[in-house]
Amino acid sequence: ESAALVATGLRQILDGERMHFDLEYPCPSPTEDRWFMLEASATPVAEGSGVVLFHVNTTDQKLREMSLAAEADHDALTGLPNSRYAVRVIGGHLSDERNARTPLWTLFIDLDGFKAVNDTYGHRAGDDLLIQVASRATRALRQDDLLCRIGGDEFVVLCPGLGEEDSVAFAARIREVMSEPFQLGAVQVSIGASVGIASSNADSTVDSLLSAADAEMYVDKRDRTAGNQSPR
């Protein structure tokens, strides 16, 4: 692809145009699985007598930019996508006309008892718990589901193409796996999870969908606190 781009560019250069290229080339070393990224420009010499080529190796700069972009979209503690990324994914789904008949089911998860763990055993234990929660919840996902940590002890799961009955069953599964004890060093703790479910429709916005799932999570938390364990 890069060679074809260069060939096309050279023809244009010979016709008197100045060209700029962003190119990628495989590293010549068989022991390194990486690519070189180059920014190159080519300027024709007067009367078509030649071409001046100039290039800069931008590999390190591009890798830094890619790393910073990834960090901006991911939670530093758990490595999960963050709220910024979740908002972008929801917005993309809602704006894509191809998804008009495919609801995006959104599960809003809030951990029950997390503050008590944090207050009793300290923030390091709380961080360890969040990491284990993220790992445990990830194992419960389907292939196309997306788990995001949106702040504190709150998580969102985005489930495209999930049916209503399946979403209820999935929420019950999340509650089940979160009710199993967590090992924090020498201490074993038990928490729970309240889960709210909402699905997108033709009038949904990012805010309305997240707000609906958040509101349902509080209903679930209230019902569970009152002793009603029936899944919503």
C-alpha atoms as a PDB file:
ATOM      1  CA  GLU A   1       0.000   0.000   0.000  1.00  0.00           C
ATOM      2  CA  SER A   2       2.846   2.407   0.872  1.00  0.00           C
ATOM      3  CA  ALA A   3       4.650   1.516  -2.373  1.00  0.00           C
ATOM      4  CA  ALA A   4       1.529   2.211  -4.434  1.00  0.00           C
ATOM      5  CA  LEU A   5       1.094   5.526  -2.635  1.00  0.00           C
ATOM      6  CA  VAL A   6       4.670   6.499  -3.391  1.00  0.00           C
ATOM      7  CA  ALA A   7       4.348   5.508  -7.046  1.00  0.00           C
ATOM      8  CA  THR A   8       1.187   7.573  -7.451  1.00  0.00           C
ATOM      9  CA  GLY A   9       2.815  10.482  -5.648  1.00  0.00           C
ATOM     10  CA  LEU A  10       5.929  10.360  -7.804  1.00  0.00           C
ATOM     11  CA  ARG A  11       3.844  10.633 -10.943  1.00  0.00           C
ATOM     12  CA  GLN A  12       2.153  13.717  -9.528  1.00  0.00           C
ATOM     13  CA  ILE A  13       5.507  15.170  -8.478  1.00  0.00           C
ATOM     14  CA  LEU A  14       6.900  14.728 -11.963  1.00  0.00           C
ATOM     15  CA  ASP A  15       3.876  16.692 -13.151  1.00  0.00           C
ATOM     16  CA  GLY A  16       5.027  19.581 -10.965  1.00  0.00           C
ATOM     17  CA  GLU A  17       3.082  18.998  -7.739  1.00  0.00           C
ATOM     18  CA  ARG A  18       4.576  19.085  -4.233  1.00  0.00           C
ATOM     19  CA  MET A  19       3.524  16.038  -2.198  1.00  0.00           C
ATOM     20  CA  HIS A  20       3.367  15.128   1.488  1.00  0.00           C
ATOM     21  CA  PHE A  21       3.266  11.524   2.707  1.00  0.00           C
ATOM     22  CA  ASP A  22       2.586   9.749   5.997  1.00  0.00           C
ATOM     23  CA  LEU A  23       4.181   6.352   5.558  1.00  0.00           C
ATOM     24  CA  GLU A  24       4.659   3.156   7.556  1.00  0.00           C
ATOM     25  CA  TYR A  25       7.387   0.625   6.847  1.00  0.00           C
ATOM     26  CA  PRO A  26       8.106  -2.681   8.607  1.00  0.00           C
ATOM     27  CA  CYS A  27      11.245  -2.782  10.711  1.00  0.00           C
ATOM     28  CA  PRO A  28      13.988  -4.575   8.745  1.00  0.00           C
ATOM     29  CA  SER A  29      15.080  -6.560  11.817  1.00  0.00           C
ATOM     30  CA  PRO A  30      13.422 -10.014  11.991  1.00  0.00           C
ATOM     31  CA  THR A  31      13.630  -9.901  15.799  1.00  0.00           C
ATOM     32  CA  GLU A  32      11.510  -6.756  16.161  1.00  0.00           C
ATOM     33  CA  ASP A  33       7.787  -6.754  15.452  1.00  0.00           C
ATOM     34  CA  ARG A  34       7.313  -3.046  14.840  1.00  0.00           C
ATOM     35  CA  TRP A  35       6.911  -0.464  12.104  1.00  0.00           C
ATOM     36  CA  PHE A  36       8.661   2.764  11.268  1.00  0.00           C
ATOM     37  CA  MET A  37       6.397   5.777  10.805  1.00  0.00           C
ATOM     38  CA  LEU A  38       7.692   8.524   8.547  1.00  0.00           C
ATOM     39  CA  GLU A  39       6.562  11.942   7.437  1.00  0.00           C
ATOM     40  CA  ALA A  40       7.954  12.662   3.984  1.00  0.00           C
ATOM     41  CA  SER A  41       7.698  15.443   1.448  1.00  0.00           C
ATOM     42  CA  ALA A  42       8.791  15.606  -2.152  1.00  0.00           C
ATOM     43  CA  THR A  43       9.316  18.792  -4.137  1.00  0.00           C
ATOM     44  CA  PRO A  44       9.956  18.868  -7.898  1.00  0.00           C
ATOM     45  CA  VAL A  45      13.040  20.711  -9.121  1.00  0.00           C
ATOM     46  CA  ALA A  46      12.490  23.357 -11.785  1.00  0.00           C
ATOM     47  CA  GLU A  47      11.835  22.150 -15.317  1.00  0.00           C
ATOM     48  CA  GLY A  48      11.386  18.548 -14.201  1.00  0.00           C
ATOM     49  CA  SER A  49      15.092  17.933 -13.761  1.00  0.00           C
ATOM     50  CA  GLY A  50      14.692  16.096 -10.459  1.00  0.00           C
ATOM     51  CA  VAL A  51      12.947  15.738  -7.118  1.00  0.00           C
ATOM     52  CA  VAL A  52      14.044  16.792  -3.637  1.00  0.00           C
ATOM     53  CA  LEU A  53      12.995  14.236  -1.016  1.00  0.00           C
ATOM     54  CA  PHE A  54      12.835  14.961   2.722  1.00  0.00           C
ATOM     55  CA  HIS A  55      11.679  12.645   5.487  1.00  0.00           C
ATOM     56  CA  VAL A  56      11.500  12.585   9.276  1.00  0.00           C
ATOM     57  CA  ASN A  57      11.207   9.482  11.458  1.00  0.00           C
ATOM     58  CA  THR A  58       8.111  10.184  13.588  1.00  0.00           C
ATOM     59  CA  THR A  59       7.803   6.713  15.124  1.00  0.00           C
ATOM     60  CA  ASP A  60       8.461   7.739  18.735  1.00  0.00           C
ATOM     61  CA  GLN A  61       6.240  10.820  18.448  1.00  0.00           C
ATOM     62  CA  LYS A  62       3.348   8.828  16.952  1.00  0.00           C
ATOM     63  CA  LEU A  63       3.672   6.106  19.594  1.00  0.00           C
ATOM     64  CA  ARG A  64       3.585   8.738  22.350  1.00  0.00           C
ATOM     65  CA  GLU A  65       0.480  10.282  20.799  1.00  0.00           C
ATOM     66  CA  MET A  66      -1.197   6.875  20.587  1.00  0.00           C
ATOM     67  CA  SER A  67      -0.272   6.116  24.196  1.00  0.00           C
ATOM     68  CA  LEU A  68      -1.651   9.446  25.428  1.00  0.00           C
ATOM     69  CA  ALA A  69      -4.876   8.900  23.489  1.00  0.00           C
ATOM     70  CA  ALA A  70      -5.275   5.443  25.038  1.00  0.00           C
ATOM     71  CA  GLU A  71      -4.620   6.818  28.540  1.00  0.00           C
ATOM     72  CA  ALA A  72      -7.250   9.521  28.032  1.00  0.00           C
ATOM     73  CA  ASP A  73      -9.868   6.871  27.242  1.00  0.00           C
ATOM     74  CA  HIS A  74      -9.015   4.366  29.966  1.00  0.00           C
ATOM     75  CA  ASP A  75      -9.159   4.179  33.737  1.00  0.00           C
ATOM     76  CA  ALA A  76      -5.648   4.152  35.193  1.00  0.00           C
ATOM     77  CA  LEU A  77      -6.522   1.754  38.038  1.00  0.00           C
ATOM     78  CA  THR A  78      -8.486  -1.010  36.328  1.00  0.00           C
ATOM     79  CA  GLY A  79      -7.441  -0.502  32.711  1.00  0.00           C
ATOM     80  CA  LEU A  80     -11.098  -0.438  31.690  1.00  0.00           C
ATOM     81  CA  PRO A  81     -12.514   2.152  29.289  1.00  0.00           C
ATOM     82  CA  ASN A  82     -13.628   5.240  31.218  1.00  0.00           C
ATOM     83  CA  SER A  83     -16.703   7.473  31.132  1.00  0.00           C
ATOM     84  CA  ARG A  84     -15.315   9.513  28.248  1.00  0.00           C
ATOM     85  CA  TYR A  85     -14.990   6.391  26.136  1.00  0.00           C
ATOM     86  CA  ALA A  86     -18.436   5.118  27.179  1.00  0.00           C
ATOM     87  CA  VAL A  87     -20.051   8.401  26.162  1.00  0.00           C
ATOM     88  CA  ARG A  88     -18.363   8.231  22.769  1.00  0.00           C
ATOM     89  CA  VAL A  89     -19.473   4.630  22.173  1.00  0.00           C
ATOM     90  CA  ILE A  90     -23.076   5.385  23.188  1.00  0.00           C
ATOM     91  CA  GLY A  91     -23.126   8.504  21.029  1.00  0.00           C
ATOM     92  CA  GLY A  92     -21.762   6.570  18.075  1.00  0.00           C
ATOM     93  CA  HIS A  93     -24.411   3.875  18.456  1.00  0.00           C
ATOM     94  CA  LEU A  94     -27.261   6.367  18.734  1.00  0.00           C
ATOM     95  CA  SER A  95     -26.120   8.422  15.745  1.00  0.00           C
ATOM     96  CA  ASP A  96     -25.600   5.455  13.420  1.00  0.00           C
ATOM     97  CA  GLU A  97     -28.730   4.929  11.338  1.00  0.00           C
ATOM     98  CA  ARG A  98     -27.825   1.262  10.945  1.00  0.00           C
ATOM     99  CA  ASN A  99     -28.540   0.818  14.676  1.00  0.00           C
ATOM    100  CA  ALA A 100     -32.008   2.405  14.539  1.00  0.00           C
ATOM    101  CA  ARG A 101     -33.712  -0.941  15.206  1.00  0.00           C
ATOM    102  CA  THR A 102     -30.997  -2.311  17.483  1.00  0.00           C
ATOM    103  CA  PRO A 103     -31.408  -1.061  21.057  1.00  0.00           C
ATOM    104  CA  LEU A 104     -28.326  -0.543  23.169  1.00  0.00           C
ATOM    105  CA  TRP A 105     -28.983  -2.089  26.561  1.00  0.00           C
ATOM    106  CA  THR A 106     -27.127  -0.267  29.308  1.00  0.00           C
ATOM    107  CA  LEU A 107     -26.475  -1.719  32.747  1.00  0.00           C
ATOM    108  CA  PHE A 108     -25.485   0.736  35.465  1.00  0.00           C
ATOM    109  CA  ILE A 109     -23.645  -1.027  38.321  1.00  0.00           C
ATOM    110  CA  ASP A 110     -23.018   0.415  41.766  1.00  0.00           C
ATOM    111  CA  LEU A 111     -21.160  -1.619  44.380  1.00  0.00           C
ATOM    112  CA  ASP A 112     -22.916  -2.140  47.709  1.00  0.00           C
ATOM    113  CA  GLY A 113     -20.633  -1.939  50.730  1.00  0.00           C
ATOM    114  CA  PHE A 114     -17.594  -0.573  48.932  1.00  0.00           C
ATOM    115  CA  LYS A 115     -17.329   2.510  51.173  1.00  0.00           C
ATOM    116  CA  ALA A 116     -17.255   0.308  54.262  1.00  0.00           C
ATOM    117  CA  VAL A 117     -14.349  -1.691  52.832  1.00  0.00           C
ATOM    118  CA  ASN A 118     -12.503   1.501  51.957  1.00  0.00           C
ATOM    119  CA  ASP A 119     -13.087   3.033  55.390  1.00  0.00           C
ATOM    120  CA  THR A 120     -12.204  -0.138  57.302  1.00  0.00           C
ATOM    121  CA  TYR A 121      -9.184  -1.434  55.399  1.00  0.00           C
ATOM    122  CA  GLY A 122      -7.899   1.660  53.587  1.00  0.00           C
ATOM    123  CA  HIS A 123      -7.721   2.941  50.040  1.00  0.00           C
ATOM    124  CA  ARG A 124      -5.155   0.383  48.936  1.00  0.00           C
ATOM    125  CA  ALA A 125      -7.571  -2.409  49.818  1.00  0.00           C
ATOM    126  CA  GLY A 126     -10.341  -0.469  48.081  1.00  0.00           C
ATOM    127  CA  ASP A 127      -8.230  -0.203  44.932  1.00  0.00           C
ATOM    128  CA  ASP A 128      -7.471  -3.923  45.051  1.00  0.00           C
ATOM    129  CA  LEU A 129     -11.185  -4.610  45.380  1.00  0.00           C
ATOM    130  CA  LEU A 130     -12.017  -2.463  42.343  1.00  0.00           C
ATOM    131  CA  ILE A 131      -9.393  -4.279  40.275  1.00  0.00           C
ATOM    132  CA  GLN A 132     -10.879  -7.639  41.262  1.00  0.00           C
ATOM    133  CA  VAL A 133     -14.410  -6.398  40.545  1.00  0.00           C
ATOM    134  CA  ALA A 134     -13.340  -5.297  37.061  1.00  0.00           C
ATOM    135  CA  SER A 135     -11.713  -8.666  36.378  1.00  0.00           C
ATOM    136  CA  ARG A 136     -14.689 -10.640  37.674  1.00  0.00           C
ATOM    137  CA  ALA A 137     -17.237  -8.563  35.755  1.00  0.00           C
ATOM    138  CA  THR A 138     -15.178  -8.819  32.549  1.00  0.00           C
ATOM    139  CA  ARG A 139     -15.347 -12.607  32.694  1.00  0.00           C
ATOM    140  CA  ALA A 140     -19.155 -12.398  32.766  1.00  0.00           C
ATOM    141  CA  LEU A 141     -19.389 -10.401  29.521  1.00  0.00           C
ATOM    142  CA  ARG A 142     -20.380 -11.575  26.075  1.00  0.00           C
ATOM    143  CA  GLN A 143     -17.929 -10.972  23.234  1.00  0.00           C
ATOM    144  CA  ASP A 144     -19.556  -7.716  22.063  1.00  0.00           C
ATOM    145  CA  ASP A 145     -20.256  -6.244  25.511  1.00  0.00           C
ATOM    146  CA  LEU A 146     -18.234  -3.318  26.826  1.00  0.00           C
ATOM    147  CA  LEU A 147     -17.490  -2.768  30.526  1.00  0.00           C
ATOM    148  CA  CYS A 148     -16.491   0.747  31.590  1.00  0.00           C
ATOM    149  CA  ARG A 149     -15.573   2.220  34.951  1.00  0.00           C
ATOM    150  CA  ILE A 150     -17.231   5.613  34.997  1.00  0.00           C
ATOM    151  CA  GLY A 151     -16.019   6.717  38.423  1.00  0.00           C
ATOM    152  CA  GLY A 152     -15.609   5.611  42.036  1.00  0.00           C
ATOM    153  CA  ASP A 153     -17.364   2.269  42.489  1.00  0.00           C
ATOM    154  CA  GLU A 154     -19.679   2.750  39.504  1.00  0.00           C
ATOM    155  CA  PHE A 155     -19.476   0.764  36.279  1.00  0.00           C
ATOM    156  CA  VAL A 156     -21.479   0.635  33.070  1.00  0.00           C
ATOM    157  CA  VAL A 157     -21.919  -2.311  30.727  1.00  0.00           C
ATOM    158  CA  LEU A 158     -22.983  -1.557  27.142  1.00  0.00           C
ATOM    159  CA  CYS A 159     -24.712  -4.505  25.497  1.00  0.00           C
ATOM    160  CA  PRO A 160     -25.670  -4.091  21.821  1.00  0.00           C
ATOM    161  CA  GLY A 161     -28.350  -6.435  20.523  1.00  0.00           C
ATOM    162  CA  LEU A 162     -29.287  -7.832  23.926  1.00  0.00           C
ATOM    163  CA  GLY A 163     -32.946  -8.735  24.482  1.00  0.00           C
ATOM    164  CA  GLU A 164     -34.968  -7.617  27.506  1.00  0.00           C
ATOM    165  CA  GLU A 165     -35.099 -11.063  29.105  1.00  0.00           C
ATOM    166  CA  ASP A 166     -31.392 -11.562  28.490  1.00  0.00           C
ATOM    167  CA  SER A 167     -30.605  -8.168  30.040  1.00  0.00           C
ATOM    168  CA  VAL A 168     -32.501  -9.107  33.192  1.00  0.00           C
ATOM    169  CA  ALA A 169     -30.677 -12.439  33.347  1.00  0.00           C
ATOM    170  CA  PHE A 170     -27.352 -10.714  32.789  1.00  0.00           C
ATOM    171  CA  ALA A 171     -28.051  -8.226  35.597  1.00  0.00           C
ATOM    172  CA  ALA A 172     -28.842 -11.149  37.888  1.00  0.00           C
ATOM    173  CA  ARG A 173     -25.562 -12.765  36.864  1.00  0.00           C
ATOM    174  CA  ILE A 174     -23.641  -9.599  37.730  1.00  0.00           C
ATOM    175  CA  ARG A 175     -25.283  -9.495  41.172  1.00  0.00           C
ATOM    176  CA  GLU A 176     -24.440 -13.156  41.682  1.00  0.00           C
ATOM    177  CA  VAL A 177     -20.750 -12.909  40.819  1.00  0.00           C
ATOM    178  CA  MET A 178     -20.347  -9.753  42.916  1.00  0.00           C
ATOM    179  CA  SER A 179     -21.919 -11.424  45.943  1.00  0.00           C
ATOM    180  CA  GLU A 180     -19.130 -14.016  46.079  1.00  0.00           C
ATOM    181  CA  PRO A 181     -16.396 -13.111  48.630  1.00  0.00           C
ATOM    182  CA  PHE A 182     -13.282 -11.182  47.574  1.00  0.00           C
ATOM    183  CA  GLN A 183      -9.849 -11.898  49.012  1.00  0.00           C
ATOM    184  CA  LEU A 184      -7.943  -8.757  50.024  1.00  0.00           C
ATOM    185  CA  GLY A 185      -4.625  -9.983  51.358  1.00  0.00           C
ATOM    186  CA  ALA A 186      -5.365 -11.897  54.556  1.00  0.00           C
ATOM    187  CA  VAL A 187      -8.894 -10.491  54.734  1.00  0.00           C
ATOM    188  CA  GLN A 188     -11.989 -11.804  52.994  1.00  0.00           C
ATOM    189  CA  VAL A 189     -14.783  -9.326  52.340  1.00  0.00           C
ATOM    190  CA  SER A 190     -18.277  -9.597  50.917  1.00  0.00           C
ATOM    191  CA  ILE A 191     -20.041  -6.845  49.014  1.00  0.00           C
ATOM    192  CA  GLY A 192     -22.896  -6.748  46.541  1.00  0.00           C
ATOM    193  CA  ALA A 193     -23.992  -4.873  43.462  1.00  0.00           C
ATOM    194  CA  SER A 194     -27.099  -2.916  42.537  1.00  0.00           C
ATOM    195  CA  VAL A 195     -27.826  -2.953  38.820  1.00  0.00           C
ATOM    196  CA  GLY A 196     -30.084  -0.703  36.776  1.00  0.00           C
ATOM    197  CA  ILE A 197     -31.145  -1.567  33.239  1.00  0.00           C
ATOM    198  CA  ALA A 198     -32.215   0.751  30.428  1.00  0.00           C
ATOM    199  CA  SER A 199     -32.426   0.429  26.647  1.00  0.00           C
ATOM    200  CA  SER A 200     -32.092   3.035  23.939  1.00  0.00           C
ATOM    201  CA  ASN A 201     -34.937   4.075  21.664  1.00  0.00           C
ATOM    202  CA  ALA A 202     -35.457   6.542  18.822  1.00  0.00           C
ATOM    203  CA  ASP A 203     -35.548   9.491  21.249  1.00  0.00           C
ATOM    204  CA  SER A 204     -32.571   8.495  23.386  1.00  0.00           C
ATOM    205  CA  THR A 205     -29.570  10.702  23.993  1.00  0.00           C
ATOM    206  CA  VAL A 206     -26.387   9.756  25.789  1.00  0.00           C
ATOM    207  CA  ASP A 207     -27.510  11.609  28.921  1.00  0.00           C
ATOM    208  CA  SER A 208     -31.051  10.240  28.906  1.00  0.00           C
ATOM    209  CA  LEU A 209     -29.883   6.640  28.494  1.00  0.00           C
ATOM    210  CA  LEU A 210     -27.323   6.851  31.290  1.00  0.00           C
ATOM    211  CA  SER A 211     -29.768   8.720  33.522  1.00  0.00           C
ATOM    212  CA  ALA A 212     -32.453   6.083  32.981  1.00  0.00           C
ATOM    213  CA  ALA A 213     -30.050   3.255  33.852  1.00  0.00           C
ATOM    214  CA  ASP A 214     -28.811   5.209  36.889  1.00  0.00           C
ATOM    215  CA  ALA A 215     -32.383   5.767  38.106  1.00  0.00           C
ATOM    216  CA  GLU A 216     -33.171   2.061  37.736  1.00  0.00           C
ATOM    217  CA  MET A 217     -30.022   1.228  39.705  1.00  0.00           C
ATOM    218  CA  TYR A 218     -31.332   3.290  42.647  1.00  0.00           C
ATOM    219  CA  VAL A 219     -34.666   1.484  42.421  1.00  0.00           C
ATOM    220  CA  ASP A 220     -32.834  -1.834  42.544  1.00  0.00           C
ATOM    221  CA  LYS A 221     -30.737  -0.661  45.506  1.00  0.00           C
ATOM    222  CA  ARG A 222     -33.867   0.476  47.366  1.00  0.00           C
ATOM    223  CA  ASP A 223     -35.661  -2.801  46.708  1.00  0.00           C
ATOM    224  CA  ARG A 224     -32.661  -4.863  47.755  1.00  0.00           C
ATOM    225  CA  THR A 225     -32.204  -2.809  50.913  1.00  0.00           C
ATOM    226  CA  ALA A 226     -35.862  -3.419  51.719  1.00  0.00           C
ATOM    227  CA  GLY A 227     -35.313  -7.137  51.294  1.00  0.00           C
ATOM    228  CA  ASN A 228     -36.824  -7.539  47.836  1.00  0.00           C
ATOM    229  CA  GLN A 229     -34.281  -9.668  45.980  1.00  0.00           C
ATOM    230  CA  SER A 230     -36.295 -10.190  42.799  1.00  0.00           C
ATOM    231  CA  PRO A 231     -34.284  -9.159  39.739  1.00  0.00           C
ATOM    232  CA  ARG A 232     -35.468  -6.189  37.726  1.00  0.00           C
END
